Protein backbone atom coordinates (compact mmCIF):
# COMPACT_ATOMS: atom_id res chain seq x y z
CA UNK A 1 0.00 0.00 0.00
CA UNK A 2 1.35 3.44 -0.86
CA UNK A 3 1.29 6.30 1.55
CA UNK A 4 -0.26 9.62 0.55
CA UNK A 5 2.51 12.17 0.99
CA UNK A 6 0.50 15.20 -0.09
CA UNK A 7 0.57 17.85 2.60
CA UNK A 8 -2.89 19.09 3.47
CA UNK A 9 -3.23 22.78 4.17
CA UNK A 10 -6.08 24.84 5.47
CA UNK A 11 -7.59 27.80 3.75
CA UNK A 12 -7.57 28.76 0.12
CA UNK A 13 -4.99 28.47 -2.62
CA UNK A 14 -3.91 31.59 -4.47
CA UNK A 15 -2.27 30.89 -7.79
CA UNK A 16 -3.49 33.67 -10.04
CA UNK A 17 -4.97 37.17 -10.00
CA UNK A 18 -8.41 35.64 -10.52
CA UNK A 19 -8.01 33.72 -7.24
CA UNK A 20 -7.23 36.99 -5.44
CA UNK A 21 -10.24 38.66 -7.02
CA UNK A 22 -12.50 35.75 -6.03
CA UNK A 23 -11.39 35.88 -2.39
CA UNK A 24 -11.71 39.66 -2.18
CA UNK A 25 -15.19 39.43 -3.72
CA UNK A 26 -16.21 36.79 -1.17
CA UNK A 27 -14.99 38.82 1.82
CA UNK A 28 -16.61 42.02 0.54
CA UNK A 29 -19.87 40.15 0.03
CA UNK A 30 -19.73 38.84 3.61
CA UNK A 31 -19.17 42.36 4.95
CA UNK A 32 -22.20 43.67 3.04
CA UNK A 33 -24.38 40.74 4.09
CA UNK A 34 -23.52 41.49 7.72
CA UNK A 35 -24.35 45.15 7.12
CA UNK A 36 -21.01 46.20 8.57
CA UNK A 37 -19.66 48.09 5.57
CA UNK A 38 -19.43 51.36 7.53
CA UNK A 39 -17.51 49.69 10.36
CA UNK A 40 -15.25 47.95 7.86
CA UNK A 41 -14.96 50.80 5.35
CA UNK A 42 -11.15 50.71 5.41
CA UNK A 43 -11.11 46.95 4.83
CA UNK A 44 -13.65 47.25 2.02
CA UNK A 45 -11.55 49.97 0.38
CA UNK A 46 -8.39 47.89 0.62
CA UNK A 47 -10.15 44.79 -0.73
CA UNK A 48 -11.57 46.80 -3.63
CA UNK A 49 -8.07 48.06 -4.45
CA UNK A 50 -6.80 44.47 -4.30
CA UNK A 51 -9.63 43.32 -6.59
CA UNK A 52 -8.84 46.11 -9.04
CA UNK A 53 -5.12 45.27 -9.09
CA UNK A 54 -5.97 41.63 -9.82
CA UNK A 55 -8.24 42.74 -12.66
CA UNK A 56 -5.50 44.97 -14.05
CA UNK A 57 -3.01 42.08 -13.99
CA UNK A 58 -5.45 39.82 -15.85
CA UNK A 59 -6.02 42.49 -18.49
CA UNK A 60 -2.28 43.04 -18.82
CA UNK A 61 -1.75 39.31 -19.40
CA UNK A 62 -4.43 39.44 -22.10
CA UNK A 63 -2.85 42.47 -23.78
CA UNK A 64 0.59 40.85 -23.68
CA UNK A 65 -0.75 37.67 -25.28
CA UNK A 66 -2.45 39.63 -28.07
CA UNK A 67 0.69 41.70 -28.64
CA UNK A 68 2.79 38.53 -28.81
CA UNK A 69 0.39 37.09 -31.40
CA UNK A 70 0.60 40.24 -33.50
CA UNK A 71 4.40 40.24 -33.31
CA UNK A 72 4.49 36.57 -34.32
CA UNK A 73 2.34 37.35 -37.37
CA UNK A 74 4.72 40.10 -38.48
CA UNK A 75 7.81 37.89 -38.33
CA UNK A 76 8.95 36.63 -41.74
PDB file of N, CA and C in Angstrom:
ATOM      1  N   UNK A   1       0.840  -1.169   0.000  1.00  0.00           N
ATOM      2  CA  UNK A   1       0.000   0.000   0.000  1.00  0.00           C
ATOM      3  C   UNK A   1       0.891   1.240   0.000  1.00  0.00           C
ATOM      4  N   UNK A   2       0.544   2.227  -0.804  1.00  0.00           N
ATOM      5  CA  UNK A   2       1.345   3.444  -0.861  1.00  0.00           C
ATOM      6  C   UNK A   2       0.784   4.475   0.093  1.00  0.00           C
ATOM      7  N   UNK A   3       1.676   5.263   0.595  1.00  0.00           N
ATOM      8  CA  UNK A   3       1.293   6.303   1.549  1.00  0.00           C
ATOM      9  C   UNK A   3       1.074   7.609   0.802  1.00  0.00           C
ATOM     10  N   UNK A   4       0.014   8.321   1.156  1.00  0.00           N
ATOM     11  CA  UNK A   4      -0.263   9.619   0.554  1.00  0.00           C
ATOM     12  C   UNK A   4       0.649  10.650   1.215  1.00  0.00           C
ATOM     13  N   UNK A   5       1.556  11.218   0.438  1.00  0.00           N
ATOM     14  CA  UNK A   5       2.515  12.169   0.991  1.00  0.00           C
ATOM     15  C   UNK A   5       2.147  13.618   0.674  1.00  0.00           C
ATOM     16  N   UNK A   6       0.947  13.832   0.174  1.00  0.00           N
ATOM     17  CA  UNK A   6       0.499  15.202  -0.086  1.00  0.00           C
ATOM     18  C   UNK A   6       0.231  15.899   1.238  1.00  0.00           C
ATOM     19  N   UNK A   7       0.790  17.068   1.391  1.00  0.00           N
ATOM     20  CA  UNK A   7       0.567  17.852   2.605  1.00  0.00           C
ATOM     21  C   UNK A   7      -0.764  18.567   2.475  1.00  0.00           C
ATOM     22  N   UNK A   8      -1.604  18.401   3.470  1.00  0.00           N
ATOM     23  CA  UNK A   8      -2.894  19.091   3.465  1.00  0.00           C
ATOM     24  C   UNK A   8      -2.750  20.421   4.169  1.00  0.00           C
ATOM     25  N   UNK A   9      -3.284  21.449   3.559  1.00  0.00           N
ATOM     26  CA  UNK A   9      -3.233  22.776   4.165  1.00  0.00           C
ATOM     27  C   UNK A   9      -4.641  23.287   4.354  1.00  0.00           C
ATOM     28  N   UNK A  10      -4.777  24.226   5.245  1.00  0.00           N
ATOM     29  CA  UNK A  10      -6.080  24.839   5.474  1.00  0.00           C
ATOM     30  C   UNK A  10      -6.178  26.114   4.654  1.00  0.00           C
ATOM     31  N   UNK A  11      -7.394  26.525   4.412  1.00  0.00           N
ATOM     32  CA  UNK A  11      -7.588  27.801   3.745  1.00  0.00           C
ATOM     33  C   UNK A  11      -7.771  27.662   2.253  1.00  0.00           C
ATOM     34  N   UNK A  12      -7.376  28.701   1.562  1.00  0.00           N
ATOM     35  CA  UNK A  12      -7.566  28.760   0.117  1.00  0.00           C
ATOM     36  C   UNK A  12      -6.209  28.822  -0.571  1.00  0.00           C
ATOM     37  N   UNK A  13      -6.208  28.431  -1.822  1.00  0.00           N
ATOM     38  CA  UNK A  13      -4.995  28.472  -2.623  1.00  0.00           C
ATOM     39  C   UNK A  13      -5.064  29.669  -3.552  1.00  0.00           C
ATOM     40  N   UNK A  14      -3.985  30.428  -3.582  1.00  0.00           N
ATOM     41  CA  UNK A  14      -3.906  31.592  -4.467  1.00  0.00           C
ATOM     42  C   UNK A  14      -2.813  31.319  -5.481  1.00  0.00           C
ATOM     43  N   UNK A  15      -3.230  31.181  -6.726  1.00  0.00           N
ATOM     44  CA  UNK A  15      -2.267  30.894  -7.791  1.00  0.00           C
ATOM     45  C   UNK A  15      -2.321  31.906  -8.925  1.00  0.00           C
ATOM     46  N   UNK A  16      -3.356  32.730  -8.942  1.00  0.00           N
ATOM     47  CA  UNK A  16      -3.492  33.672 -10.044  1.00  0.00           C
ATOM     48  C   UNK A  16      -4.257  34.909  -9.577  1.00  0.00           C
ATOM     49  N   UNK A  17      -4.205  35.971 -10.360  1.00  0.00           N
ATOM     50  CA  UNK A  17      -4.971  37.170 -10.002  1.00  0.00           C
ATOM     51  C   UNK A  17      -6.470  36.890  -9.864  1.00  0.00           C
ATOM     52  N   UNK A  18      -6.980  35.936 -10.631  1.00  0.00           N
ATOM     53  CA  UNK A  18      -8.414  35.642 -10.521  1.00  0.00           C
ATOM     54  C   UNK A  18      -8.739  35.025  -9.160  1.00  0.00           C
ATOM     55  N   UNK A  19      -7.796  34.265  -8.579  1.00  0.00           N
ATOM     56  CA  UNK A  19      -8.006  33.723  -7.238  1.00  0.00           C
ATOM     57  C   UNK A  19      -8.087  34.853  -6.210  1.00  0.00           C
ATOM     58  N   UNK A  20      -7.217  35.839  -6.347  1.00  0.00           N
ATOM     59  CA  UNK A  20      -7.225  36.987  -5.435  1.00  0.00           C
ATOM     60  C   UNK A  20      -8.535  37.741  -5.566  1.00  0.00           C
ATOM     61  N   UNK A  21      -8.976  37.942  -6.791  1.00  0.00           N
ATOM     62  CA  UNK A  21     -10.244  38.657  -7.017  1.00  0.00           C
ATOM     63  C   UNK A  21     -11.413  37.892  -6.424  1.00  0.00           C
ATOM     64  N   UNK A  22     -11.416  36.570  -6.564  1.00  0.00           N
ATOM     65  CA  UNK A  22     -12.503  35.749  -6.027  1.00  0.00           C
ATOM     66  C   UNK A  22     -12.565  35.856  -4.511  1.00  0.00           C
ATOM     67  N   UNK A  23     -11.427  35.792  -3.848  1.00  0.00           N
ATOM     68  CA  UNK A  23     -11.393  35.876  -2.391  1.00  0.00           C
ATOM     69  C   UNK A  23     -11.824  37.250  -1.919  1.00  0.00           C
ATOM     70  N   UNK A  24     -11.321  38.303  -2.558  1.00  0.00           N
ATOM     71  CA  UNK A  24     -11.713  39.662  -2.185  1.00  0.00           C
ATOM     72  C   UNK A  24     -13.215  39.842  -2.363  1.00  0.00           C
ATOM     73  N   UNK A  25     -13.753  39.322  -3.459  1.00  0.00           N
ATOM     74  CA  UNK A  25     -15.194  39.434  -3.716  1.00  0.00           C
ATOM     75  C   UNK A  25     -15.994  38.720  -2.635  1.00  0.00           C
ATOM     76  N   UNK A  26     -15.524  37.557  -2.210  1.00  0.00           N
ATOM     77  CA  UNK A  26     -16.214  36.790  -1.172  1.00  0.00           C
ATOM     78  C   UNK A  26     -16.225  37.538   0.162  1.00  0.00           C
ATOM     79  N   UNK A  27     -15.080  38.099   0.548  1.00  0.00           N
ATOM     80  CA  UNK A  27     -14.994  38.820   1.821  1.00  0.00           C
ATOM     81  C   UNK A  27     -15.843  40.087   1.781  1.00  0.00           C
ATOM     82  N   UNK A  28     -15.792  40.821   0.676  1.00  0.00           N
ATOM     83  CA  UNK A  28     -16.611  42.025   0.542  1.00  0.00           C
ATOM     84  C   UNK A  28     -18.088  41.662   0.623  1.00  0.00           C
ATOM     85  N   UNK A  29     -18.480  40.590  -0.025  1.00  0.00           N
ATOM     86  CA  UNK A  29     -19.872  40.147   0.032  1.00  0.00           C
ATOM     87  C   UNK A  29     -20.292  39.844   1.466  1.00  0.00           C
ATOM     88  N   UNK A  30     -19.425  39.143   2.215  1.00  0.00           N
ATOM     89  CA  UNK A  30     -19.733  38.837   3.612  1.00  0.00           C
ATOM     90  C   UNK A  30     -19.917  40.106   4.440  1.00  0.00           C
ATOM     91  N   UNK A  31     -19.064  41.094   4.212  1.00  0.00           N
ATOM     92  CA  UNK A  31     -19.171  42.357   4.948  1.00  0.00           C
ATOM     93  C   UNK A  31     -20.502  43.032   4.651  1.00  0.00           C
ATOM     94  N   UNK A  32     -20.927  43.034   3.396  1.00  0.00           N
ATOM     95  CA  UNK A  32     -22.196  43.674   3.040  1.00  0.00           C
ATOM     96  C   UNK A  32     -23.394  42.884   3.555  1.00  0.00           C
ATOM     97  N   UNK A  33     -23.290  41.560   3.562  1.00  0.00           N
ATOM     98  CA  UNK A  33     -24.381  40.739   4.093  1.00  0.00           C
ATOM     99  C   UNK A  33     -24.569  41.022   5.584  1.00  0.00           C
ATOM    100  N   UNK A  34     -23.452  41.184   6.296  1.00  0.00           N
ATOM    101  CA  UNK A  34     -23.515  41.492   7.723  1.00  0.00           C
ATOM    102  C   UNK A  34     -24.003  42.914   7.985  1.00  0.00           C
ATOM    103  N   UNK A  35     -23.954  43.754   6.959  1.00  0.00           N
ATOM    104  CA  UNK A  35     -24.351  45.151   7.120  1.00  0.00           C
ATOM    105  C   UNK A  35     -23.308  45.962   7.861  1.00  0.00           C
ATOM    106  N   UNK A  36     -22.064  45.516   7.824  1.00  0.00           N
ATOM    107  CA  UNK A  36     -21.013  46.199   8.572  1.00  0.00           C
ATOM    108  C   UNK A  36     -20.044  46.952   7.662  1.00  0.00           C
ATOM    109  N   UNK A  37     -20.546  47.409   6.504  1.00  0.00           N
ATOM    110  CA  UNK A  37     -19.662  48.090   5.569  1.00  0.00           C
ATOM    111  C   UNK A  37     -19.145  49.416   6.107  1.00  0.00           C
ATOM    112  N   UNK A  38     -19.907  50.103   6.950  1.00  0.00           N
ATOM    113  CA  UNK A  38     -19.433  51.359   7.529  1.00  0.00           C
ATOM    114  C   UNK A  38     -18.314  51.069   8.521  1.00  0.00           C
ATOM    115  N   UNK A  39     -18.524  50.082   9.372  1.00  0.00           N
ATOM    116  CA  UNK A  39     -17.510  49.695  10.362  1.00  0.00           C
ATOM    117  C   UNK A  39     -16.239  49.219   9.674  1.00  0.00           C
ATOM    118  N   UNK A  40     -16.385  48.541   8.578  1.00  0.00           N
ATOM    119  CA  UNK A  40     -15.248  47.954   7.859  1.00  0.00           C
ATOM    120  C   UNK A  40     -14.900  48.723   6.584  1.00  0.00           C
ATOM    121  N   UNK A  41     -15.177  50.009   6.568  1.00  0.00           N
ATOM    122  CA  UNK A  41     -14.958  50.799   5.351  1.00  0.00           C
ATOM    123  C   UNK A  41     -13.511  50.729   4.870  1.00  0.00           C
ATOM    124  N   UNK A  42     -12.569  50.785   5.792  1.00  0.00           N
ATOM    125  CA  UNK A  42     -11.154  50.709   5.412  1.00  0.00           C
ATOM    126  C   UNK A  42     -10.816  49.361   4.791  1.00  0.00           C
ATOM    127  N   UNK A  43     -11.348  48.296   5.369  1.00  0.00           N
ATOM    128  CA  UNK A  43     -11.105  46.951   4.830  1.00  0.00           C
ATOM    129  C   UNK A  43     -11.741  46.809   3.455  1.00  0.00           C
ATOM    130  N   UNK A  44     -12.968  47.325   3.315  1.00  0.00           N
ATOM    131  CA  UNK A  44     -13.649  47.247   2.018  1.00  0.00           C
ATOM    132  C   UNK A  44     -12.834  47.993   0.965  1.00  0.00           C
ATOM    133  N   UNK A  45     -12.353  49.182   1.313  1.00  0.00           N
ATOM    134  CA  UNK A  45     -11.549  49.969   0.377  1.00  0.00           C
ATOM    135  C   UNK A  45     -10.296  49.209  -0.031  1.00  0.00           C
ATOM    136  N   UNK A  46      -9.599  48.632   0.921  1.00  0.00           N
ATOM    137  CA  UNK A  46      -8.387  47.887   0.617  1.00  0.00           C
ATOM    138  C   UNK A  46      -8.687  46.656  -0.243  1.00  0.00           C
ATOM    139  N   UNK A  47      -9.771  45.957   0.071  1.00  0.00           N
ATOM    140  CA  UNK A  47     -10.146  44.790  -0.727  1.00  0.00           C
ATOM    141  C   UNK A  47     -10.538  45.189  -2.146  1.00  0.00           C
ATOM    142  N   UNK A  48     -11.216  46.324  -2.295  1.00  0.00           N
ATOM    143  CA  UNK A  48     -11.570  46.796  -3.632  1.00  0.00           C
ATOM    144  C   UNK A  48     -10.315  47.155  -4.431  1.00  0.00           C
ATOM    145  N   UNK A  49      -9.337  47.756  -3.773  1.00  0.00           N
ATOM    146  CA  UNK A  49      -8.074  48.057  -4.448  1.00  0.00           C
ATOM    147  C   UNK A  49      -7.362  46.769  -4.857  1.00  0.00           C
ATOM    148  N   UNK A  50      -7.404  45.771  -3.991  1.00  0.00           N
ATOM    149  CA  UNK A  50      -6.798  44.472  -4.304  1.00  0.00           C
ATOM    150  C   UNK A  50      -7.511  43.825  -5.484  1.00  0.00           C
ATOM    151  N   UNK A  51      -8.841  43.878  -5.489  1.00  0.00           N
ATOM    152  CA  UNK A  51      -9.626  43.318  -6.586  1.00  0.00           C
ATOM    153  C   UNK A  51      -9.246  44.008  -7.892  1.00  0.00           C
ATOM    154  N   UNK A  52      -9.158  45.349  -7.841  1.00  0.00           N
ATOM    155  CA  UNK A  52      -8.841  46.110  -9.044  1.00  0.00           C
ATOM    156  C   UNK A  52      -7.446  45.769  -9.561  1.00  0.00           C
ATOM    157  N   UNK A  53      -6.481  45.621  -8.670  1.00  0.00           N
ATOM    158  CA  UNK A  53      -5.125  45.271  -9.088  1.00  0.00           C
ATOM    159  C   UNK A  53      -5.115  43.890  -9.759  1.00  0.00           C
ATOM    160  N   UNK A  54      -5.865  42.944  -9.202  1.00  0.00           N
ATOM    161  CA  UNK A  54      -5.972  41.627  -9.825  1.00  0.00           C
ATOM    162  C   UNK A  54      -6.579  41.710 -11.213  1.00  0.00           C
ATOM    163  N   UNK A  55      -7.597  42.539 -11.359  1.00  0.00           N
ATOM    164  CA  UNK A  55      -8.241  42.735 -12.657  1.00  0.00           C
ATOM    165  C   UNK A  55      -7.250  43.333 -13.655  1.00  0.00           C
ATOM    166  N   UNK A  56      -6.490  44.342 -13.176  1.00  0.00           N
ATOM    167  CA  UNK A  56      -5.497  44.968 -14.054  1.00  0.00           C
ATOM    168  C   UNK A  56      -4.456  43.950 -14.520  1.00  0.00           C
ATOM    169  N   UNK A  57      -4.009  43.084 -13.623  1.00  0.00           N
ATOM    170  CA  UNK A  57      -3.014  42.079 -13.986  1.00  0.00           C
ATOM    171  C   UNK A  57      -3.566  41.092 -15.010  1.00  0.00           C
ATOM    172  N   UNK A  58      -4.839  40.715 -14.860  1.00  0.00           N
ATOM    173  CA  UNK A  58      -5.446  39.819 -15.845  1.00  0.00           C
ATOM    174  C   UNK A  58      -5.545  40.497 -17.202  1.00  0.00           C
ATOM    175  N   UNK A  59      -5.917  41.763 -17.220  1.00  0.00           N
ATOM    176  CA  UNK A  59      -6.016  42.491 -18.487  1.00  0.00           C
ATOM    177  C   UNK A  59      -4.642  42.649 -19.120  1.00  0.00           C
ATOM    178  N   UNK A  60      -3.627  42.901 -18.294  1.00  0.00           N
ATOM    179  CA  UNK A  60      -2.279  43.041 -18.816  1.00  0.00           C
ATOM    180  C   UNK A  60      -1.804  41.738 -19.452  1.00  0.00           C
ATOM    181  N   UNK A  61      -2.109  40.613 -18.826  1.00  0.00           N
ATOM    182  CA  UNK A  61      -1.754  39.312 -19.404  1.00  0.00           C
ATOM    183  C   UNK A  61      -2.428  39.129 -20.764  1.00  0.00           C
ATOM    184  N   UNK A  62      -3.689  39.554 -20.848  1.00  0.00           N
ATOM    185  CA  UNK A  62      -4.426  39.438 -22.097  1.00  0.00           C
ATOM    186  C   UNK A  62      -3.806  40.328 -23.181  1.00  0.00           C
ATOM    187  N   UNK A  63      -3.459  41.535 -22.819  1.00  0.00           N
ATOM    188  CA  UNK A  63      -2.848  42.468 -23.779  1.00  0.00           C
ATOM    189  C   UNK A  63      -1.500  41.931 -24.246  1.00  0.00           C
ATOM    190  N   UNK A  64      -0.705  41.405 -23.307  1.00  0.00           N
ATOM    191  CA  UNK A  64       0.595  40.854 -23.682  1.00  0.00           C
ATOM    192  C   UNK A  64       0.441  39.675 -24.629  1.00  0.00           C
ATOM    193  N   UNK A  65      -0.524  38.819 -24.403  1.00  0.00           N
ATOM    194  CA  UNK A  65      -0.751  37.672 -25.281  1.00  0.00           C
ATOM    195  C   UNK A  65      -1.155  38.127 -26.676  1.00  0.00           C
ATOM    196  N   UNK A  66      -2.030  39.119 -26.749  1.00  0.00           N
ATOM    197  CA  UNK A  66      -2.446  39.627 -28.070  1.00  0.00           C
ATOM    198  C   UNK A  66      -1.293  40.306 -28.786  1.00  0.00           C
ATOM    199  N   UNK A  67      -0.464  41.048 -28.045  1.00  0.00           N
ATOM    200  CA  UNK A  67       0.692  41.702 -28.644  1.00  0.00           C
ATOM    201  C   UNK A  67       1.682  40.661 -29.164  1.00  0.00           C
ATOM    202  N   UNK A  68       1.901  39.600 -28.388  1.00  0.00           N
ATOM    203  CA  UNK A  68       2.791  38.532 -28.808  1.00  0.00           C
ATOM    204  C   UNK A  68       2.287  37.888 -30.096  1.00  0.00           C
ATOM    205  N   UNK A  69       0.968  37.684 -30.191  1.00  0.00           N
ATOM    206  CA  UNK A  69       0.390  37.086 -31.399  1.00  0.00           C
ATOM    207  C   UNK A  69       0.590  38.003 -32.605  1.00  0.00           C
ATOM    208  N   UNK A  70       0.399  39.290 -32.411  1.00  0.00           N
ATOM    209  CA  UNK A  70       0.603  40.242 -33.500  1.00  0.00           C
ATOM    210  C   UNK A  70       2.063  40.265 -33.933  1.00  0.00           C
ATOM    211  N   UNK A  71       2.980  40.246 -32.975  1.00  0.00           N
ATOM    212  CA  UNK A  71       4.397  40.243 -33.310  1.00  0.00           C
ATOM    213  C   UNK A  71       4.777  38.970 -34.047  1.00  0.00           C
ATOM    214  N   UNK A  72       4.194  37.837 -33.643  1.00  0.00           N
ATOM    215  CA  UNK A  72       4.493  36.570 -34.316  1.00  0.00           C
ATOM    216  C   UNK A  72       4.002  36.592 -35.758  1.00  0.00           C
ATOM    217  N   UNK A  73       2.872  37.252 -36.014  1.00  0.00           N
ATOM    218  CA  UNK A  73       2.338  37.351 -37.370  1.00  0.00           C
ATOM    219  C   UNK A  73       3.237  38.192 -38.268  1.00  0.00           C
ATOM    220  N   UNK A  74       3.893  39.180 -37.687  1.00  0.00           N
ATOM    221  CA  UNK A  74       4.721  40.102 -38.484  1.00  0.00           C
ATOM    222  C   UNK A  74       6.084  39.515 -38.791  1.00  0.00           C
ATOM    223  N   UNK A  75       6.500  38.484 -38.081  1.00  0.00           N
ATOM    224  CA  UNK A  75       7.809  37.892 -38.332  1.00  0.00           C
ATOM    225  C   UNK A  75       7.798  37.143 -39.661  1.00  0.00           C
ATOM    226  N   UNK A  76       8.886  37.306 -40.436  1.00  0.00           N
ATOM    227  CA  UNK A  76       8.953  36.628 -41.743  1.00  0.00           C
ATOM    228  C   UNK A  76       9.195  35.145 -41.634  1.00  0.00           C
TER     229      UNK A  76
END
